[in-house]
Structures are given as structure tokens and as C-alpha cells.
C-alpha atoms as a PDB file:
ATOM      1  CA  MET A   1     122.574  70.794  28.836  1.00  0.00           C
ATOM      2  CA  PHE A   2     122.608  74.574  28.650  1.00  0.00           C
ATOM      3  CA  SER A   3     122.481  76.922  25.699  1.00  0.00           C
ATOM      4  CA  GLY A   4     125.092  79.187  25.499  1.00  0.00           C
ATOM      5  CA  SER A   5     110.342  98.623  25.046  1.00  0.00           C
ATOM      6  CA  MET A   6     103.641 108.847  17.399  1.00  0.00           C
ATOM      7  CA  PHE A   7     101.290 109.977  19.784  1.00  0.00           C
ATOM      8  CA  GLY A   8      97.897 111.081  18.412  1.00  0.00           C
ATOM      9  CA  VAL A   9      95.837 113.607  20.282  1.00  0.00           C
ATOM     10  CA  SER A  10      92.637 111.688  19.666  1.00  0.00           C
ATOM     11  CA  GLN A  11      94.118 108.301  20.599  1.00  0.00           C
ATOM     12  CA  PRO A  12      93.589 106.863  24.085  1.00  0.00           C
ATOM     13  CA  PRO A  13      96.791 106.337  26.057  1.00  0.00           C
ATOM     14  CA  LYS A  14      98.309 102.890  25.758  1.00  0.00           C
ATOM     15  CA  PRO A  15      98.427 100.840  28.947  1.00  0.00           C
ATOM     16  CA  ARG A  16     101.802 100.780  30.635  1.00  0.00           C
ATOM     17  CA  ARG A  17     103.780  97.614  30.166  1.00  0.00           C
ATOM     18  CA  PRO A  18     104.718  95.761  33.336  1.00  0.00           C
ATOM     19  CA  GLY A  19     108.245  96.358  34.540  1.00  0.00           C
ATOM     20  CA  PRO A  20     110.583  99.270  35.158  1.00  0.00           C
ATOM     21  CA  PRO A  21     110.269 102.557  33.269  1.00  0.00           C
ATOM     22  CA  HIS A  22     112.859 103.730  30.763  1.00  0.00           C
ATOM     23  CA  ASN A  23     115.760 105.639  32.328  1.00  0.00           C
ATOM     24  CA  PRO A  24     116.924 108.302  29.825  1.00  0.00           C
ATOM     25  CA  GLY A  25     120.083 109.127  31.782  1.00  0.00           C
ATOM     26  CA  VAL A  26     121.558 105.660  31.333  1.00  0.00           C
ATOM     27  CA  ARG A  27     122.388 106.136  27.647  1.00  0.00           C
ATOM     28  CA  ASP A  28     124.403 109.300  28.366  1.00  0.00           C
ATOM     29  CA  LEU A  29     126.240 107.490  31.158  1.00  0.00           C
ATOM     30  CA  VAL A  30     127.103 104.526  28.940  1.00  0.00           C
ATOM     31  CA  GLN A  31     128.273 106.727  26.066  1.00  0.00           C
ATOM     32  CA  GLY A  32     130.547 108.622  28.438  1.00  0.00           C
ATOM     33  CA  LYS A  33     132.015 105.381  29.767  1.00  0.00           C
ATOM     34  CA  ARG A  34     132.651 104.166  26.221  1.00  0.00           C
ATOM     35  CA  ARG A  35     134.498 107.347  25.297  1.00  0.00           C
ATOM     36  CA  GLY A  36     136.787 106.876  28.275  1.00  0.00           C
ATOM     37  CA  SER A  37     137.536 103.210  27.545  1.00  0.00           C
ATOM     38  CA  SER A  38     140.473 101.804  25.601  1.00  0.00           C
ATOM     39  CA  PRO A  39     139.841 100.296  22.135  1.00  0.00           C
ATOM     40  CA  TRP A  40     139.042  96.605  22.168  1.00  0.00           C
ATOM     41  CA  LYS A  41     140.926  93.797  20.500  1.00  0.00           C
ATOM     42  CA  ILE A  42     139.256  92.041  17.560  1.00  0.00           C
ATOM     43  CA  GLU A  43     139.326  88.733  19.462  1.00  0.00           C
ATOM     44  CA  THR A  44     137.320  90.223  22.325  1.00  0.00           C
ATOM     45  CA  LEU A  45     134.675  91.561  19.947  1.00  0.00           C
ATOM     46  CA  LYS A  46     134.396  88.192  18.235  1.00  0.00           C
ATOM     47  CA  GLN A  47     133.744  86.541  21.591  1.00  0.00           C
ATOM     48  CA  GLY A  48     130.572  88.628  21.905  1.00  0.00           C
ATOM     49  CA  PHE A  49     131.557  90.962  24.736  1.00  0.00           C
ATOM     50  CA  ARG A  50     129.682  94.289  24.582  1.00  0.00           C
ATOM     51  CA  GLY A  51     131.696  96.485  26.922  1.00  0.00           C
ATOM     52  CA  TRP A  52     129.614  99.292  28.384  1.00  0.00           C
ATOM     53  CA  ASN A  53     125.988  98.899  27.256  1.00  0.00           C
ATOM     54  CA  GLU A  54     122.469  99.564  28.500  1.00  0.00           C
ATOM     55  CA  GLY A  55     119.096  97.864  28.519  1.00  0.00           C
ATOM     56  CA  GLY A  56     117.007 101.034  28.711  1.00  0.00           C
ATOM     57  CA  TYR A  57     117.152 101.602  32.451  1.00  0.00           C
ATOM     58  CA  LEU A  58     120.352 100.017  33.803  1.00  0.00           C
ATOM     59  CA  PRO A  59     124.008 100.240  32.709  1.00  0.00           C
ATOM     60  CA  HIS A  60     126.059  97.085  32.183  1.00  0.00           C
ATOM     61  CA  ARG A  61     129.767  96.473  31.781  1.00  0.00           C
ATOM     62  CA  ASP A  62     130.559  93.255  29.926  1.00  0.00           C
ATOM     63  CA  GLU A  63     134.291  92.558  29.587  1.00  0.00           C
ATOM     64  CA  PRO A  64     136.531  89.496  30.019  1.00  0.00           C
ATOM     65  CA  GLY A  65     138.389  89.258  33.310  1.00  0.00           C
ATOM     66  CA  LEU A  66     135.951  91.342  35.355  1.00  0.00           C
ATOM     67  CA  THR A  67     134.670  90.098  38.696  1.00  0.00           C
ATOM     68  CA  GLN A  68     130.961  90.877  38.739  1.00  0.00           C
ATOM     69  CA  PHE A  69     128.255  91.040  41.389  1.00  0.00           C
ATOM     70  CA  VAL A  70     125.077  90.084  39.546  1.00  0.00           C
ATOM     71  CA  THR A  71     121.431  90.048  40.612  1.00  0.00           C
ATOM     72  CA  PHE A  72     118.705  88.452  38.509  1.00  0.00           C
ATOM     73  CA  ARG A  73     115.096  88.143  39.604  1.00  0.00           C
ATOM     74  CA  LEU A  74     111.774  86.466  38.967  1.00  0.00           C
ATOM     75  CA  ALA A  75     109.395  88.060  36.478  1.00  0.00           C
ATOM     76  CA  ASP A  76     106.814  88.913  39.151  1.00  0.00           C
ATOM     77  CA  SER A  77     109.238  90.242  41.777  1.00  0.00           C
ATOM     78  CA  PHE A  78     108.112  93.834  41.029  1.00  0.00           C
ATOM     79  CA  PRO A  79     104.343  93.230  40.707  1.00  0.00           C
ATOM     80  CA  GLU A  80     102.375  95.598  38.510  1.00  0.00           C
ATOM     81  CA  SER A  81      99.646  95.643  41.170  1.00  0.00           C
ATOM     82  CA  LEU A  82     102.200  97.176  43.575  1.00  0.00           C
ATOM     83  CA  ARG A  83     103.685  99.651  41.092  1.00  0.00           C
ATOM     84  CA  SER A  84     103.189 102.546  43.510  1.00  0.00           C
ATOM     85  CA  GLU A  85     105.662 100.851  45.869  1.00  0.00           C
ATOM     86  CA  TRP A  86     108.561 100.568  43.437  1.00  0.00           C
ATOM     87  CA  GLU A  87     108.101 102.904  40.459  1.00  0.00           C
ATOM     88  CA  GLN A  88     109.969 105.837  42.005  1.00  0.00           C
ATOM     89  CA  LEU A  89     112.947 103.644  42.877  1.00  0.00           C
ATOM     90  CA  TRP A  90     113.870 103.305  39.204  1.00  0.00           C
ATOM     91  CA  LYS A  91     114.002 107.088  38.860  1.00  0.00           C
ATOM     92  CA  ILE A  92     116.734 107.598  41.467  1.00  0.00           C
ATOM     93  CA  GLU A  93     119.571 109.327  39.602  1.00  0.00           C
ATOM     94  CA  ASP A  94     122.529 108.013  41.565  1.00  0.00           C
ATOM     95  CA  ASN A  95     123.343 104.517  40.267  1.00  0.00           C
ATOM     96  CA  HIS A  96     124.638 103.166  43.576  1.00  0.00           C
ATOM     97  CA  GLN A  97     121.685 104.481  45.579  1.00  0.00           C
ATOM     98  CA  ARG A  98     119.228 103.173  42.980  1.00  0.00           C
ATOM     99  CA  ARG A  99     120.797  99.727  43.047  1.00  0.00           C
ATOM    100  CA  ALA A 100     120.736  99.660  46.854  1.00  0.00           C
ATOM    101  CA  GLU A 101     117.062 100.683  46.997  1.00  0.00           C
ATOM    102  CA  LEU A 102     116.096  98.126  44.351  1.00  0.00           C
ATOM    103  CA  GLU A 103     117.978  95.364  46.158  1.00  0.00           C
ATOM    104  CA  ALA A 104     116.223  96.326  49.396  1.00  0.00           C
ATOM    105  CA  TYR A 105     112.850  96.146  47.651  1.00  0.00           C
ATOM    106  CA  LEU A 106     113.646  92.675  46.358  1.00  0.00           C
ATOM    107  CA  ASP A 107     114.383  91.571  49.910  1.00  0.00           C
ATOM    108  CA  ARG A 108     110.793  92.429  50.835  1.00  0.00           C
ATOM    109  CA  GLY A 109     109.773  89.296  48.945  1.00  0.00           C
ATOM    110  CA  ARG A 110     107.051  90.517  46.608  1.00  0.00           C
ATOM    111  CA  GLY A 111     105.443  88.230  44.033  1.00  0.00           C
ATOM    112  CA  GLU A 112     104.867  84.502  44.356  1.00  0.00           C
ATOM    113  CA  CYS A 113     108.471  83.877  45.455  1.00  0.00           C
ATOM    114  CA  ARG A 114     108.715  80.534  43.700  1.00  0.00           C
ATOM    115  CA  LEU A 115     112.347  80.132  44.732  1.00  0.00           C
ATOM    116  CA  ARG A 116     111.131  79.470  48.280  1.00  0.00           C
ATOM    117  CA  ARG A 117     110.414  75.947  47.149  1.00  0.00           C
ATOM    118  CA  PRO A 118     113.591  73.956  47.855  1.00  0.00           C
ATOM    119  CA  GLU A 119     113.316  71.897  44.685  1.00  0.00           C
ATOM    120  CA  ILE A 120     113.108  75.051  42.522  1.00  0.00           C
ATOM    121  CA  ALA A 121     115.936  76.750  44.399  1.00  0.00           C
ATOM    122  CA  GLN A 122     118.067  73.643  43.934  1.00  0.00           C
ATOM    123  CA  ILE A 123     117.563  73.776  40.162  1.00  0.00           C
ATOM    124  CA  VAL A 124     118.880  77.334  40.183  1.00  0.00           C
ATOM    125  CA  GLU A 125     121.822  76.579  42.434  1.00  0.00           C
ATOM    126  CA  ASP A 126     122.841  73.610  40.307  1.00  0.00           C
ATOM    127  CA  ALA A 127     122.794  75.795  37.194  1.00  0.00           C
ATOM    128  CA  VAL A 128     124.895  78.516  38.819  1.00  0.00           C
ATOM    129  CA  ARG A 129     127.472  76.004  40.007  1.00  0.00           C
ATOM    130  CA  CYS A 130     127.633  73.890  36.869  1.00  0.00           C
ATOM    131  CA  PHE A 131     130.151  75.786  34.727  1.00  0.00           C
ATOM    132  CA  HIS A 132     132.357  76.988  37.553  1.00  0.00           C
ATOM    133  CA  GLY A 133     135.946  76.642  36.371  1.00  0.00           C
ATOM    134  CA  GLN A 134     134.914  76.518  32.713  1.00  0.00           C
ATOM    135  CA  ARG A 135     132.925  79.605  31.728  1.00  0.00           C
ATOM    136  CA  TYR A 136     133.512  81.576  34.924  1.00  0.00           C
ATOM    137  CA  ASP A 137     135.053  81.444  38.385  1.00  0.00           C
ATOM    138  CA  LEU A 138     132.253  81.326  40.932  1.00  0.00           C
ATOM    139  CA  ARG A 139     133.093  83.215  44.122  1.00  0.00           C
ATOM    140  CA  ALA A 140     129.825  83.385  46.109  1.00  0.00           C
ATOM    141  CA  TRP A 141     126.091  83.106  45.602  1.00  0.00           C
ATOM    142  CA  VAL A 142     122.769  83.091  47.383  1.00  0.00           C
ATOM    143  CA  VAL A 143     119.328  82.001  46.191  1.00  0.00           C
ATOM    144  CA  MET A 144     116.591  84.152  47.705  1.00  0.00           C
ATOM    145  CA  PRO A 145     112.788  83.693  47.491  1.00  0.00           C
ATOM    146  CA  ASN A 146     112.378  85.892  44.390  1.00  0.00           C
ATOM    147  CA  HIS A 147     115.909  86.593  43.145  1.00  0.00           C
ATOM    148  CA  VAL A 148     119.480  85.322  42.965  1.00  0.00           C
ATOM    149  CA  ARG A 149     122.744  87.097  43.783  1.00  0.00           C
ATOM    150  CA  VAL A 150     126.030  85.833  42.366  1.00  0.00           C
ATOM    151  CA  LEU A 151     129.643  86.972  42.612  1.00  0.00           C
ATOM    152  CA  LEU A 152     131.782  85.557  39.788  1.00  0.00           C
ATOM    153  CA  LYS A 153     134.803  86.293  37.652  1.00  0.00           C
ATOM    154  CA  VAL A 154     134.046  86.290  33.930  1.00  0.00           C
ATOM    155  CA  ASP A 155     136.461  84.449  31.657  1.00  0.00           C
ATOM    156  CA  ALA A 156     135.880  83.980  27.913  1.00  0.00           C
ATOM    157  CA  THR A 157     132.065  83.855  28.004  1.00  0.00           C
ATOM    158  CA  PRO A 158     130.160  87.184  27.983  1.00  0.00           C
ATOM    159  CA  MET A 159     128.106  88.004  31.058  1.00  0.00           C
ATOM    160  CA  ALA A 160     124.868  88.263  29.071  1.00  0.00           C
ATOM    161  CA  GLU A 161     125.437  84.797  27.614  1.00  0.00           C
ATOM    162  CA  ILE A 162     126.039  83.313  31.054  1.00  0.00           C
ATOM    163  CA  LEU A 163     122.820  84.836  32.389  1.00  0.00           C
ATOM    164  CA  GLU A 164     120.844  83.716  29.348  1.00  0.00           C
ATOM    165  CA  SER A 165     122.100  80.173  29.819  1.00  0.00           C
ATOM    166  CA  TRP A 166     121.144  80.088  33.503  1.00  0.00           C
ATOM    167  CA  LYS A 167     117.721  81.587  32.887  1.00  0.00           C
ATOM    168  CA  LYS A 168     116.777  79.476  29.895  1.00  0.00           C
ATOM    169  CA  HIS A 169     117.697  76.200  31.530  1.00  0.00           C
ATOM    170  CA  THR A 170     116.196  76.931  34.949  1.00  0.00           C
ATOM    171  CA  ALA A 171     112.989  78.459  33.548  1.00  0.00           C
ATOM    172  CA  ARG A 172     112.318  75.372  31.465  1.00  0.00           C
ATOM    173  CA  LYS A 173     112.871  72.996  34.366  1.00  0.00           C
ATOM    174  CA  ALA A 174     111.038  75.131  36.930  1.00  0.00           C
ATOM    175  CA  ASN A 175     107.998  75.677  34.703  1.00  0.00           C
ATOM    176  CA  HIS A 176     107.817  71.951  34.051  1.00  0.00           C
ATOM    177  CA  LEU A 177     107.985  71.184  37.755  1.00  0.00           C
ATOM    178  CA  LEU A 178     105.360  73.844  38.531  1.00  0.00           C
ATOM    179  CA  ASN A 179     103.151  72.742  35.625  1.00  0.00           C
ATOM    180  CA  ARG A 180     103.012  76.282  34.275  1.00  0.00           C
ATOM    181  CA  ARG A 181     103.880  78.260  31.169  1.00  0.00           C
ATOM    182  CA  GLY A 182     105.014  81.805  30.684  1.00  0.00           C
ATOM    183  CA  GLU A 183     107.804  84.103  31.722  1.00  0.00           C
ATOM    184  CA  PHE A 184     109.741  82.903  34.740  1.00  0.00           C
ATOM    185  CA  TRP A 185     112.636  85.394  34.955  1.00  0.00           C
ATOM    186  CA  GLN A 186     112.728  89.140  34.389  1.00  0.00           C
ATOM    187  CA  LEU A 187     114.569  89.800  31.118  1.00  0.00           C
ATOM    188  CA  ASP A 188     117.356  92.081  32.362  1.00  0.00           C
ATOM    189  CA  TYR A 189     119.818  91.803  35.243  1.00  0.00           C
ATOM    190  CA  TRP A 190     121.817  94.111  37.529  1.00  0.00           C
ATOM    191  CA  ASP A 191     125.593  93.985  37.643  1.00  0.00           C
ATOM    192  CA  THR A 192     128.382  95.788  39.473  1.00  0.00           C
ATOM    193  CA  TYR A 193     132.028  95.120  38.631  1.00  0.00           C
ATOM    194  CA  MET A 194     134.504  94.834  41.486  1.00  0.00           C
ATOM    195  CA  ARG A 195     136.943  97.767  41.514  1.00  0.00           C
ATOM    196  CA  ASP A 196     139.584  95.988  43.585  1.00  0.00           C
ATOM    197  CA  ASN A 197     140.148  93.178  46.087  1.00  0.00           C
ATOM    198  CA  GLU A 198     138.671  95.194  48.948  1.00  0.00           C
ATOM    199  CA  HIS A 199     135.474  95.798  46.990  1.00  0.00           C
ATOM    200  CA  GLU A 200     135.213  92.076  46.245  1.00  0.00           C
ATOM    201  CA  LEU A 201     135.797  91.142  49.880  1.00  0.00           C
ATOM    202  CA  GLU A 202     133.065  93.549  51.002  1.00  0.00           C
ATOM    203  CA  THR A 203     130.685  91.980  48.490  1.00  0.00           C
ATOM    204  CA  ARG A 204     131.522  88.459  49.654  1.00  0.00           C
ATOM    205  CA  HIS A 205     130.835  89.468  53.256  1.00  0.00           C
ATOM    206  CA  TYR A 206     127.553  91.062  52.143  1.00  0.00           C
ATOM    207  CA  ILE A 207     126.419  87.842  50.445  1.00  0.00           C
ATOM    208  CA  GLU A 208     127.540  85.743  53.391  1.00  0.00           C
ATOM    209  CA  ALA A 209     125.540  87.938  55.789  1.00  0.00           C
ATOM    210  CA  ILE A 210     122.455  87.507  53.613  1.00  0.00           C
ATOM    211  CA  ARG A 211     122.963  83.747  53.611  1.00  0.00           C
ATOM    212  CA  ARG A 212     123.188  83.565  57.383  1.00  0.00           C
ATOM    213  CA  GLU A 213     120.080  85.704  57.863  1.00  0.00           C
ATOM    214  CA  GLN A 214     118.090  83.849  55.223  1.00  0.00           C
ATOM    215  CA  ALA A 215     119.047  80.444  56.571  1.00  0.00           C
ATOM    216  CA  TRP A 216     118.049  81.477  60.105  1.00  0.00           C
ATOM    217  CA  CYS A 217     114.701  82.883  58.958  1.00  0.00           C
ATOM    218  CA  SER A 218     114.009  79.832  56.793  1.00  0.00           C
ATOM    219  CA  THR A 219     114.722  77.444  59.645  1.00  0.00           C
ATOM    220  CA  ARG A 220     112.484  79.343  62.063  1.00  0.00           C
ATOM    221  CA  LYS A 221     109.558  79.791  59.679  1.00  0.00           C
ATOM    222  CA  ARG A 222     109.534  76.548  57.686  1.00  0.00           C
ATOM    223  CA  GLY A 223     111.768  74.069  59.428  1.00  0.00           C
ATOM    224  CA  GLY A 224     114.196  74.171  56.490  1.00  0.00           C
ATOM    225  CA  GLY A 225     115.931  76.486  54.093  1.00  0.00           C
ATOM    226  CA  VAL A 226     116.172  77.280  50.413  1.00  0.00           C
ATOM    227  CA  ALA A 227     119.336  76.518  48.484  1.00  0.00           C
ATOM    228  CA  LEU A 228     122.078  78.776  49.779  1.00  0.00           C
ATOM    229  CA  GLY A 229     125.744  78.666  48.979  1.00  0.00           C
ATOM    230  CA  LEU A 230     129.152  80.237  49.333  1.00  0.00           C
ATOM    231  CA  GLY A 231     132.301  78.767  47.849  1.00  0.00           C
ATOM    232  CA  MET A 232     135.320  79.021  45.582  1.00  0.00           C
ATOM    233  CA  SER A 233     136.536  75.460  44.900  1.00  0.00           C
ATOM    234  CA  LEU A 234     133.366  73.960  43.462  1.00  0.00           C
ATOM    235  CA  GLU A 235     132.839  71.193  40.953  1.00  0.00           C
ATOM    236  CA  CYS A 236     129.864  70.616  38.684  1.00  0.00           C
END
């Protein structure tokens, strides 16, 4: 069901591509993390795990056994027409502060917020839940109007592969339901690995608080809610 970004003086400037700007400090950060990491086993490399890596503006850590807090978002959640609102957020040097500010901007609900539609949100929730106990151990999740937050423990499937599987499947089904074509999800994702049990518990409480608030707001405004969830013993 699923599949496992030369200048010429006389040239006019090229239009900026939609999306976040390149963050030059990320590469130095990732290289430093790699130097401080232990050598990997051949089996881990063959599985496709990438360790510390970067997508141009955000660092990622992709290793088996990590519990990860992941956020992935719709393609229009940072609209180009509102670039003045969010462009400076990507330039915040501190990784934790930048992530917090970006998450807060997502919660403002920019873009078309297609995940507000219960049938679209349900497609996403079903995908997130489906391989619990097989590819990963799902700890908590919440589907928001323009993004999704998931807490999960990675097993033998790389984080990037898990995200690609979710996005590919849900984009195809959502676009069909919406009778549209084109990009549905933003290409990259944000991830934070849990340092210890306390960090994980704090993250679970954070997601649960979002769920309660979102469910309350959804009930008041629309008489119903989007797909929201929190669980550990789930079956596909």
C-alpha cells in the first residue's frame, strides 16, 4: 500500500523560489556532530540510515533506535505571499529557538489548511498509524490544519523513508479526493531526537496539550474536529 536548491552583472536577478532560505550554519553544525559520533556498523549503513545530515536549512539525525519528534507540513503552510511574516524565522541561529518559532508560526494556520477537512485528516492519521509495531513504535501524534506532529521510536526503517512513505501515499489519496494536482507536502521535515525519558515525557505532554486545545477549538468553531490521536498500543 505504501512505498517504502554564476552571477552575471548584466543579468537580472532570478526570482526567489518559494520556501525557506538556505541556512549556511547548518552544514558546519552537522559536520561537527559527525566528527563527534562513533563509527557506524556496515549493517546500519546498508539499511539506509544517514546519521547526522542536512537539507540546506535544517539538521537531521537519522539513526536506528532513536525516539523522534517529527513535524511535517503542507506545501503552502509558509505562503510566498506572506514571506515577510516568516522569512526571518529561518535565520534564527539557535536551533531550539528557531524550531519553536517555526512551530508557533505553523500554529497560526496559514495556507489553505486542507487537513481541516476530516476526510483528509483521516487519510493522514491512518497512514501514520498503519506501520506501528512494524517499521516504528508510535508514541503520540496530532493532525493539525496545515501540519502533522508525530512522536515515534525508529526501528530498522530510516526516518526519511518513513516520512517519504507517509507523504507519497497521503498526497496521492488527498489530491484525488480534492480533485487537484501538484505538490501537497513540503519536501523536508523537522525532527528532534529525545535525549532521555524526561524529554520524551515532556514532548508527549506537549502533543497532548495541543490535542486538547485543537479538539476544543474544532468543536466550538465547526461542530466537530479533525483527526487527533494519542496512543501507544495501536494496531493497523
